[in-house]
Protein backbone atom coordinates (compact mmCIF):
# COMPACT_ATOMS: atom_id res chain seq x y z
CA MET A 1 2.88 2.51 -9.09
CA THR A 2 0.87 4.55 -7.56
CA MET A 3 0.23 4.73 -1.95
CA ARG A 4 -3.55 5.14 -0.67
CA MET A 5 -2.99 7.01 2.93
CA MET A 6 -5.69 8.94 4.63
CA LEU A 7 -4.23 11.52 7.49
CA ALA A 8 -6.97 12.24 9.90
CA ALA A 9 -6.13 15.09 13.08
CA ALA A 10 -8.20 17.88 15.11
CA ALA A 11 -6.47 20.16 17.93
CA LEU A 12 -8.35 22.23 20.36
CA MET A 13 -6.36 25.16 22.10
CA ALA A 14 -7.71 26.18 25.66
CA THR A 15 -6.14 29.55 26.72
CA GLY A 16 -6.81 31.78 30.04
CA CYS A 17 -9.07 33.94 28.36
CA TYR A 18 -11.50 34.61 30.99
CA GLN A 19 -11.30 37.38 33.50
CA GLY A 20 -14.31 37.03 36.03
CA VAL A 21 -13.97 37.66 39.85
CA SER A 22 -12.45 34.51 41.68
CA PRO A 23 -15.33 32.22 43.32
CA VAL A 24 -13.95 32.27 46.81
CA GLU A 25 -13.67 36.28 47.28
CA ASP A 26 -17.41 36.11 45.64
CA GLY A 27 -18.74 33.70 48.22
CA LEU A 28 -19.52 31.01 46.03
CA GLU A 29 -18.97 27.59 46.56
CA PRO A 30 -16.06 25.86 44.03
CA PRO A 31 -17.54 23.36 41.80
CA PRO A 32 -17.25 19.41 42.72
CA ARG A 33 -13.68 17.75 41.98
CA VAL A 34 -13.04 16.24 38.93
CA PRO A 35 -11.22 12.90 39.61
CA GLY A 36 -7.44 12.98 38.67
CA ALA A 37 -7.62 16.60 38.98
CA GLY A 38 -3.83 17.59 39.34
CA GLY A 39 -2.10 14.18 39.03
CA ASP A 40 -4.02 12.19 41.93
CA ASP A 41 -6.30 9.18 41.26
CA GLU A 42 -8.66 9.94 44.16
CA GLY A 43 -12.10 9.85 43.32
CA ASP A 44 -15.13 11.45 45.03
CA ASP A 45 -14.84 8.98 48.03
CA GLY A 46 -11.21 9.28 49.01
CA GLU A 47 -10.08 6.51 47.43
CA ASP A 48 -8.02 5.94 44.58
CA ASP A 49 -9.00 4.88 41.59
CA GLY A 50 -6.02 3.49 40.17
CA ALA A 51 -4.15 4.45 37.00
CA ASP A 52 -6.19 5.66 34.20
CA SER A 53 -7.72 2.49 31.68
CA GLY A 54 -8.85 3.82 28.67
CA GLU A 55 -12.06 2.43 29.28
CA PRO A 56 -15.65 4.88 29.80
CA GLY A 57 -16.62 6.30 33.15
CA HIS A 58 -12.85 5.91 34.16
CA HIS A 59 -11.38 8.61 34.57
CA GLY A 60 -12.76 10.40 30.90
CA GLU A 61 -14.35 8.01 28.19
CA GLY A 62 -11.28 5.95 26.21
CA ASP A 63 -9.57 6.97 23.23
CA ALA A 64 -11.46 6.09 20.42
CA ASP A 65 -11.39 2.71 17.87
CA THR A 66 -9.61 3.95 15.00
CA PRO A 67 -9.15 1.23 12.61
CA ALA A 68 -5.63 0.59 10.92
CA GLY A 69 -5.30 1.91 6.94
CA ARG A 70 -5.17 -0.44 4.46
CA HIS A 71 -1.93 -1.39 3.58
CA VAL A 72 -0.85 -1.88 0.03
CA ARG A 73 0.61 -4.83 -0.93
CA ARG A 74 1.89 -6.79 -4.21
CA MET A 75 1.79 -9.65 -6.12
CA THR A 76 4.05 -13.33 -4.37
CA ALA A 77 6.75 -14.09 -6.86
CA LEU A 78 4.08 -15.91 -8.32
CA GLN A 79 0.89 -13.92 -8.72
CA PHE A 80 2.56 -11.93 -10.66
CA HIS A 81 4.35 -14.55 -13.16
CA ARG A 82 1.15 -15.96 -13.64
CA SER A 83 -0.18 -12.39 -14.48
CA LEU A 84 2.61 -11.13 -16.85
CA VAL A 85 1.78 -14.97 -18.80
CA GLU A 86 -2.25 -13.95 -18.70
CA VAL A 87 -1.09 -10.95 -20.57
CA THR A 88 1.58 -11.00 -22.71
CA GLY A 89 0.82 -14.50 -23.19
CA GLN A 90 5.22 -15.34 -22.70
CA PRO A 91 5.81 -16.42 -19.21
CA TRP A 92 9.63 -15.43 -17.91
CA PRO A 93 12.09 -18.78 -18.61
CA GLU A 94 13.99 -17.77 -14.99
CA PHE A 95 10.77 -17.55 -13.36
CA GLU A 96 12.11 -20.46 -11.44
CA ALA A 97 15.78 -19.34 -10.94
CA PHE A 98 14.63 -16.20 -9.15
CA ALA A 99 11.66 -16.85 -7.96
CA GLY A 100 12.71 -17.76 -4.72
CA ALA A 101 14.81 -14.43 -4.41
CA MET A 102 11.26 -11.99 -5.61
CA GLY A 103 9.95 -14.37 -2.29
CA ARG A 104 8.53 -17.28 -3.38
CA ALA A 105 8.27 -19.41 0.45
CA ASP A 106 10.51 -22.92 0.28
CA TYR A 107 8.93 -23.71 2.87
CA ALA A 108 11.98 -25.24 4.49
CA GLU A 109 13.32 -22.00 5.63
CA ILE A 110 10.97 -19.99 4.19
CA THR A 111 7.13 -20.51 5.09
CA GLU A 112 5.68 -17.29 3.98
CA GLU A 113 5.19 -15.52 0.22
CA GLY A 114 6.99 -12.15 0.06
CA ARG A 115 4.45 -9.45 -0.50
CA GLU A 116 6.98 -6.01 0.45
CA LEU A 117 7.36 -4.08 -2.04
CA SER A 118 11.68 -3.88 -3.15
CA VAL A 119 14.56 -3.21 -5.24
CA THR A 120 15.03 -7.02 -5.80
CA PHE A 121 11.38 -7.49 -6.56
CA ASP A 122 11.14 -4.56 -8.63
CA LYS A 123 15.30 -5.14 -10.42
CA PHE A 124 13.32 -9.50 -11.78
CA VAL A 125 9.97 -7.36 -12.55
CA HIS A 126 12.36 -4.96 -14.90
CA ASP A 127 13.64 -8.54 -16.54
CA ALA A 128 10.28 -9.80 -17.01
CA ALA A 129 9.16 -7.88 -18.33
CA VAL A 130 11.38 -6.76 -20.95
CA TYR A 131 11.41 -10.60 -21.74
CA SER A 132 8.05 -11.36 -21.92
CA CYS A 133 6.93 -7.82 -23.94
CA GLY A 134 10.06 -8.34 -26.22
CA ALA A 135 7.84 -11.56 -26.91
CA ALA A 136 4.56 -11.55 -27.03
CA VAL A 137 5.66 -8.34 -29.94
CA ALA A 138 7.77 -10.65 -32.12
CA ALA A 139 4.72 -13.39 -31.87
CA ASP A 140 2.61 -10.85 -32.58
CA LEU A 141 4.33 -9.55 -35.68
CA GLY A 142 5.82 -13.07 -36.42
CA GLY A 143 1.58 -13.94 -36.90
CA ALA A 144 2.36 -16.82 -33.98
CA SER A 145 -0.37 -15.11 -31.29
CA PRO A 146 -3.38 -13.49 -31.78
CA GLY A 147 -2.42 -9.89 -31.78
CA THR A 148 -1.49 -10.00 -27.41
CA ILE A 149 0.21 -6.46 -28.04
CA LEU A 150 -0.72 -5.17 -31.18
CA ARG A 151 -4.84 -6.10 -31.34
CA TRP A 152 -5.72 -2.67 -32.98
CA ALA A 153 -2.24 -1.58 -34.40
CA SER A 154 0.09 -2.22 -36.32
CA VAL A 155 3.62 -1.53 -36.22
CA SER A 156 3.02 0.75 -39.46
CA ASP A 157 0.29 2.76 -37.83
CA ARG A 158 1.12 6.60 -37.06
CA ASP A 159 -2.19 8.06 -36.49
CA ASP A 160 -2.50 9.14 -33.82
CA SER A 161 -6.59 7.33 -33.25
CA VAL A 162 -4.81 3.88 -34.19
CA LEU A 163 -2.58 4.47 -31.96
CA ARG A 164 -5.10 5.60 -29.15
CA ARG A 165 -7.02 2.28 -29.81
CA ASN A 166 -4.62 0.51 -29.55
CA LEU A 167 -3.66 1.44 -26.03
CA ASP A 168 -6.90 1.89 -24.88
CA TYR A 169 -6.74 -1.37 -25.08
CA LEU A 170 -3.59 -1.99 -22.99
CA MET A 171 -5.29 0.08 -20.28
CA LEU A 172 -7.65 -2.41 -19.75
CA ARG A 173 -6.12 -5.23 -19.93
CA PHE A 174 -3.10 -4.93 -17.92
CA LEU A 175 -4.50 -2.22 -15.63
CA GLY A 176 -7.70 -3.16 -15.74
CA GLN A 177 -9.02 0.79 -16.78
CA GLN A 178 -10.92 1.89 -18.94
CA LEU A 179 -10.55 5.36 -20.16
CA ARG A 180 -12.62 7.62 -21.84
CA GLU A 181 -11.76 9.48 -24.71
CA ASP A 182 -10.29 12.85 -23.12
CA ASP A 183 -8.70 10.97 -20.17
CA ARG A 184 -5.49 12.79 -19.78
CA ARG A 185 -3.82 9.17 -17.79
CA SER A 186 -3.16 8.14 -21.38
CA ASP A 187 -1.02 11.52 -22.21
CA PRO A 188 2.32 9.90 -21.30
CA TRP A 189 1.92 6.25 -23.49
CA MET A 190 1.22 8.25 -26.05
CA GLU A 191 4.06 10.39 -25.67
CA LEU A 192 6.24 7.29 -25.71
CA LEU A 193 4.23 6.41 -29.24
CA THR A 194 4.47 9.95 -30.79
CA GLY A 195 7.11 11.44 -29.69
CA PRO A 196 10.43 12.92 -31.52
CA ALA A 197 12.47 9.96 -32.48
CA ASP A 198 17.06 10.45 -33.17
CA GLU A 199 16.73 8.70 -36.85
CA ARG A 200 13.18 7.81 -38.79
CA LEU A 201 10.11 6.56 -37.28
CA ASP A 202 10.05 2.99 -38.78
CA ASP A 203 8.46 0.36 -38.21
CA GLU A 204 11.60 -1.70 -36.22
CA LEU A 205 11.52 1.14 -33.93
CA MET A 206 7.70 1.27 -33.45
CA ALA A 207 7.49 -2.04 -32.70
CA GLU A 208 10.30 -1.15 -30.03
CA ARG A 209 7.98 1.65 -28.77
CA TRP A 210 5.21 -0.45 -28.25
CA THR A 211 7.37 -2.84 -26.32
CA ALA A 212 8.29 0.03 -23.94
CA VAL A 213 5.00 0.89 -22.92
CA CYS A 214 4.58 -2.94 -22.26
CA VAL A 215 7.23 -2.86 -20.01
CA GLY A 216 5.81 0.09 -18.16
CA LEU A 217 2.41 -1.59 -18.18
CA VAL A 218 4.13 -4.37 -15.99
CA THR A 219 6.17 -2.41 -13.89
CA HIS A 220 3.91 -0.54 -13.32
CA PRO A 221 2.30 0.02 -9.51
CA ASP A 222 -1.22 -0.79 -10.35
CA PHE A 223 -0.61 -4.43 -12.18
CA VAL A 224 2.35 -5.52 -9.53
CA THR A 225 -0.40 -4.13 -6.09
CA TYR A 226 -3.52 -4.52 -5.00
């Protein structure tokens, strides 16, 4: 993935477009003086009210309290690995060795779980995805798993409707996205499965393409962030 931001801006520019007569020249009394006008802080009683605190009734109505936007946060190292095992059925053997680099707290020097996106975290997420997805597809082909990745298709299938059914299942399994029949979000993934090949599209190459789809879903922003 995917970052959500909302910008709200309003500007009001006042220009000198009134060309009436001077109130003094016309014998009219000037309007009451606005406290703080002209740069000083004197009120109507001639006493200094102090700096504008921003509170209602004190030199204005104050600033509106605008809530801060929600920050996109990634999973912790342990949350990622547990999610990886859940969707692929395969643990990453190197997780314990690199969990600290992925932000896991050791409660000696690091007391908070890392939740910031970084190049280091992305690198290890990719490494974990390559291993676990490859192992998951191999397990499916060997009959050692109940169709974790290849649930509704096999590597020998070439029909678009069959590929699409299995792809829709993976989008729901990995990203929680239930796609409509005409949903365009599946198009890039279908192109990965059906695109041109430098060689004959045999079963071995199709296995690699399903593995690539799995890796793409694990490294997708919607998988690693919330």
